Protein backbone atom coordinates (compact mmCIF):
# COMPACT_ATOMS: atom_id res chain seq x y z
CA MET A 1 173.42 -18.71 5.62
CA SER A 2 172.55 -20.30 2.13
CA LYS A 3 175.65 -21.05 -0.15
CA VAL A 4 175.51 -21.56 -4.22
CA PHE A 5 177.68 -24.46 -5.65
CA THR A 6 178.14 -24.70 -9.47
CA ASP A 7 180.30 -26.91 -11.55
CA GLU A 8 180.68 -27.69 -15.07
CA SER A 9 179.77 -31.58 -15.23
CA THR A 10 181.06 -34.30 -17.22
CA ASP A 11 177.73 -36.21 -18.15
CA GLY A 12 177.65 -39.90 -16.52
CA THR A 13 180.16 -39.75 -14.29
CA TRP A 14 180.82 -38.65 -10.88
CA ASN A 15 184.63 -38.17 -11.25
CA ALA A 16 185.47 -34.65 -10.81
CA ASN A 17 182.24 -32.71 -11.21
CA ILE A 18 182.63 -31.17 -7.72
CA GLY A 19 180.81 -28.21 -6.93
CA LEU A 20 182.52 -25.12 -6.02
CA ASP A 21 180.65 -21.75 -4.48
CA THR A 22 180.35 -19.23 -6.77
CA ILE A 23 182.39 -16.38 -4.70
CA ALA A 24 185.55 -18.18 -3.07
CA SER A 25 185.34 -21.11 -5.33
CA GLN A 26 185.99 -23.42 -2.13
CA SER A 27 184.51 -26.83 -1.66
CA LEU A 28 181.49 -27.69 0.60
CA GLY A 29 183.48 -28.50 3.81
CA ILE A 30 186.12 -26.10 3.58
CA LEU A 31 183.70 -23.30 2.72
CA ILE A 32 180.87 -23.99 5.54
CA PRO A 33 182.95 -26.85 7.97
CA ASN A 34 180.72 -27.60 11.40
CA ALA A 35 177.52 -26.19 9.83
CA THR A 36 174.13 -27.63 9.97
CA LEU A 37 172.10 -28.40 6.20
CA SER A 38 168.75 -28.42 5.75
CA PHE A 39 167.77 -28.34 2.33
CA ALA A 40 169.65 -28.77 -0.92
CA GLN A 41 168.16 -27.52 -4.20
CA GLY A 42 170.44 -29.00 -7.13
CA THR A 43 169.32 -27.54 -10.94
CA TYR A 44 170.93 -28.54 -14.48
CA ALA A 45 169.84 -26.90 -17.92
CA ALA A 46 168.37 -30.49 -19.10
CA GLY A 47 168.12 -33.73 -19.32
CA ASN A 48 168.41 -35.76 -15.45
CA MET A 49 170.77 -34.78 -12.56
CA ALA A 50 171.37 -36.68 -9.31
CA TRP A 51 173.54 -35.06 -6.35
CA ARG A 52 174.96 -36.43 -3.35
CA ILE A 53 177.01 -34.88 -0.01
CA GLN A 54 180.19 -37.21 1.09
CA SER A 55 183.12 -37.14 2.68
CA SER A 56 186.38 -36.74 0.17
CA SER A 57 188.30 -39.21 2.40
CA THR A 58 186.01 -42.27 3.89
CA LEU A 59 183.55 -41.66 0.65
CA GLN A 60 180.60 -41.68 2.97
CA VAL A 61 177.43 -40.49 1.21
CA LYS A 62 175.72 -38.24 3.96
CA SER A 63 172.70 -36.80 1.70
CA ARG A 64 171.75 -37.52 -1.57
CA GLY A 65 168.60 -36.50 -4.04
CA LEU A 66 167.92 -35.63 -7.73
CA GLY A 67 167.80 -32.16 -9.50
CA ASN A 68 165.06 -29.97 -10.76
CA VAL A 69 165.32 -28.40 -14.29
CA ALA A 70 166.23 -24.90 -13.67
CA GLY A 71 163.13 -22.93 -13.23
CA LEU A 72 161.55 -25.40 -11.59
CA SER A 73 162.82 -25.76 -8.70
CA CYS A 74 160.31 -26.11 -5.17
CA TYR A 75 162.23 -24.91 -1.92
CA GLU A 76 159.25 -26.67 0.35
CA SER A 77 160.14 -29.99 -1.71
CA ASP A 78 164.24 -29.29 -1.08
CA GLN A 79 163.84 -29.94 2.50
CA ILE A 80 166.49 -32.87 3.44
CA ALA A 81 167.06 -34.77 6.53
CA PRO A 82 169.72 -32.19 8.72
CA VAL A 83 173.14 -33.00 7.66
CA LYS A 84 176.60 -31.88 9.55
CA VAL A 85 179.16 -30.32 7.35
CA ALA A 86 182.35 -32.10 8.34
CA PRO A 87 185.62 -30.52 6.53
CA ASN A 88 186.78 -32.92 4.31
CA ASP A 89 182.86 -32.87 2.55
CA ILE A 90 182.46 -32.38 -0.89
CA ILE A 91 178.58 -31.72 -3.04
CA SER A 92 178.93 -33.46 -6.16
CA PHE A 93 176.62 -34.19 -9.40
CA PHE A 94 176.05 -37.01 -12.38
CA PRO A 95 173.94 -35.58 -14.89
CA LEU A 96 172.71 -36.98 -17.98
CA ALA A 97 172.33 -35.17 -21.11
CA GLU A 98 169.12 -35.32 -23.22
CA PRO A 99 168.54 -38.42 -25.02
CA ALA A 100 167.80 -38.53 -28.81
CA VAL A 101 164.40 -38.58 -30.10
CA ASN A 102 161.94 -41.47 -29.23
CA GLN A 103 164.37 -42.21 -26.55
CA THR A 104 164.69 -41.71 -22.69
CA ASN A 105 167.30 -41.73 -19.81
CA THR A 106 166.23 -42.34 -16.50
CA LEU A 107 168.71 -41.97 -12.76
CA ALA A 108 167.50 -44.09 -10.21
CA TRP A 109 168.62 -43.64 -6.13
CA ILE A 110 167.62 -47.63 -4.57
CA GLN A 111 168.12 -47.40 -1.10
CA THR A 112 168.32 -51.38 0.21
CA SER A 113 169.28 -52.69 4.20
CA LYS A 114 173.07 -52.79 2.49
CA GLY A 115 173.01 -49.47 1.46
CA THR A 116 171.71 -46.65 -1.19
CA GLU A 117 173.14 -46.46 -4.46
CA LEU A 118 172.41 -44.67 -8.21
CA PHE A 119 171.34 -46.44 -10.96
CA GLN A 120 170.73 -45.21 -14.30
CA ASN A 121 169.36 -46.78 -17.74
CA THR A 122 170.50 -44.98 -20.92
CA GLY A 123 168.81 -44.59 -24.59
CA ALA A 124 165.87 -46.91 -23.88
CA VAL A 125 163.53 -46.34 -26.85
CA SER A 126 160.07 -45.54 -25.83
CA GLY A 127 158.02 -47.86 -24.57
CA THR A 128 159.82 -50.64 -24.49
CA ASP A 129 162.05 -51.87 -21.35
CA GLY A 130 165.45 -50.75 -19.54
CA GLU A 131 167.13 -52.07 -17.37
CA LEU A 132 168.63 -49.70 -14.83
CA LYS A 133 172.29 -51.04 -13.74
CA SER A 134 174.35 -49.16 -10.89
CA ALA A 135 176.14 -45.50 -12.38
CA VAL A 136 179.52 -46.94 -11.13
CA GLN A 137 180.05 -50.12 -11.31
CA ASN A 138 177.40 -51.48 -13.88
CA GLN A 139 175.96 -54.01 -12.45
CA THR A 140 172.30 -55.65 -11.87
CA LEU A 141 170.10 -54.90 -8.87
CA GLY A 142 170.67 -58.84 -7.92
CA ASP A 143 174.35 -58.23 -8.28
CA ALA A 144 174.74 -55.24 -6.32
CA PHE A 145 172.02 -56.14 -3.35
CA PHE A 146 171.63 -59.55 -3.19
CA GLY A 147 170.90 -60.79 -0.01
CA SER A 148 169.42 -57.21 0.84
CA THR A 149 165.63 -55.90 0.96
CA VAL A 150 164.89 -52.93 -1.36
CA GLN A 151 163.36 -50.50 1.27
CA ARG A 152 162.82 -47.64 -1.09
CA VAL A 153 163.20 -46.37 -5.12
CA TRP A 154 163.27 -42.84 -6.31
CA ILE A 155 163.34 -41.90 -10.15
CA GLN A 156 163.80 -39.33 -12.51
CA VAL A 157 163.02 -39.75 -16.60
CA SER A 158 164.72 -37.11 -18.71
CA ASP A 159 162.43 -33.87 -18.92
CA THR A 160 159.14 -34.22 -20.03
CA ASP A 161 159.25 -37.50 -20.76
CA GLY A 162 156.96 -39.88 -18.27
CA ASN A 163 157.54 -42.87 -16.43
CA ASN A 164 154.73 -45.88 -17.12
CA SER A 165 156.30 -48.06 -14.64
CA LEU A 166 159.07 -49.72 -12.53
CA SER A 167 159.05 -53.28 -12.28
CA ILE A 168 161.46 -55.51 -10.08
CA ILE A 169 161.96 -59.09 -12.00
CA ASP A 170 163.08 -62.21 -10.62
CA GLU A 171 165.73 -64.66 -12.45
CA MET A 172 162.79 -66.55 -13.86
CA GLY A 173 161.87 -63.70 -15.35
CA GLY A 174 159.14 -63.19 -12.95
CA ILE A 175 157.23 -59.70 -11.82
CA VAL A 176 157.80 -59.36 -8.48
CA PHE A 177 156.95 -55.83 -7.66
CA THR A 178 155.37 -53.43 -10.25
CA ALA A 179 154.64 -49.51 -9.77
CA TYR A 180 153.21 -46.96 -12.24
CA GLY A 181 155.00 -43.47 -12.35
CA GLY A 182 154.41 -40.70 -14.66
CA LYS A 183 155.72 -37.06 -15.53
CA ARG A 184 156.84 -34.18 -13.45
CA GLY A 185 157.62 -30.67 -13.48
CA ALA A 186 155.02 -27.91 -14.40
CA THR A 187 153.23 -30.08 -17.08
CA LEU A 188 149.72 -32.02 -16.76
CA GLY A 189 149.58 -35.20 -14.48
CA SER A 190 152.42 -34.28 -12.96
CA LYS A 191 153.58 -35.13 -8.82
CA SER A 192 157.25 -33.86 -8.42
CA GLY A 193 159.70 -31.33 -9.76
CA GLN A 194 161.98 -34.08 -9.21
CA TYR A 195 161.01 -37.49 -9.46
CA ASN A 196 158.73 -39.19 -11.86
CA LEU A 197 158.04 -42.12 -9.22
CA TYR A 198 158.68 -42.24 -5.56
CA ALA A 199 158.34 -45.80 -3.56
CA VAL A 200 158.80 -45.98 0.19
CA ASN A 201 158.11 -49.07 2.81
CA LEU A 202 158.80 -51.50 -0.16
CA GLY A 203 160.78 -54.21 1.88
CA ILE A 204 161.46 -56.60 -0.85
CA PRO A 205 163.76 -59.11 -0.47
CA ILE A 206 166.32 -59.58 -3.69
CA GLY A 207 168.06 -62.95 -5.12
CA LYS A 208 170.62 -63.29 -7.61
CA GLY A 209 169.82 -63.21 -11.08
CA TRP A 210 167.24 -60.15 -10.47
CA SER A 211 166.92 -57.06 -12.00
CA ILE A 212 165.44 -53.78 -11.73
CA LYS A 213 163.65 -52.17 -15.36
CA VAL A 214 161.80 -49.17 -15.99
CA ASN A 215 159.11 -48.11 -18.98
CA ASN A 216 158.93 -44.80 -20.00
CA THR A 217 157.15 -42.86 -22.98
CA ALA A 218 159.49 -40.32 -24.80
CA SER A 219 157.86 -36.63 -25.41
CA VAL A 220 159.29 -36.46 -29.05
């Protein structure tokens, strides 16, 4: 079966942004307990969006991803590792509005040996570096994940904007890692409708005082 969940969400927060199904207005776990999910398609009107499936009691996150702007979804790309739904599970959203002219917003899921957390940067001027900090605690990479190893990073820049690079910087300002991204969606040179850069198998140990930065180009 397939179910549709919607929410009129507040930008820049997970709080209260819980999806309810369009027929019975129930949360995920109440509606389909013990079902196994194999794909998830999250869409939004404009800007950026991340989503996650988690337990409302333990707060354990079972699955996570990035949304597609409405009209540019791809079923094949939206497959997820199978997730069994518990009765107290919910699906929630973290959207960002469209940025101002000549600025970009970025959402990033960063997976480490310590765990996976959503990072964000808002209002970065086109062509300049913007530091990603944890969306909930506003921590730097080194503060959030000191002593762990970065394994995977995937980022989403605001609609029609492009990513020039992502860099991990040590406490002395030295560049430890750089990767180049691009545009997403139905545009020239696009790779995915969900992410602008997807870096895997990294294995980078994180030190105290380290940061992670993105450099994007605004479309206008």
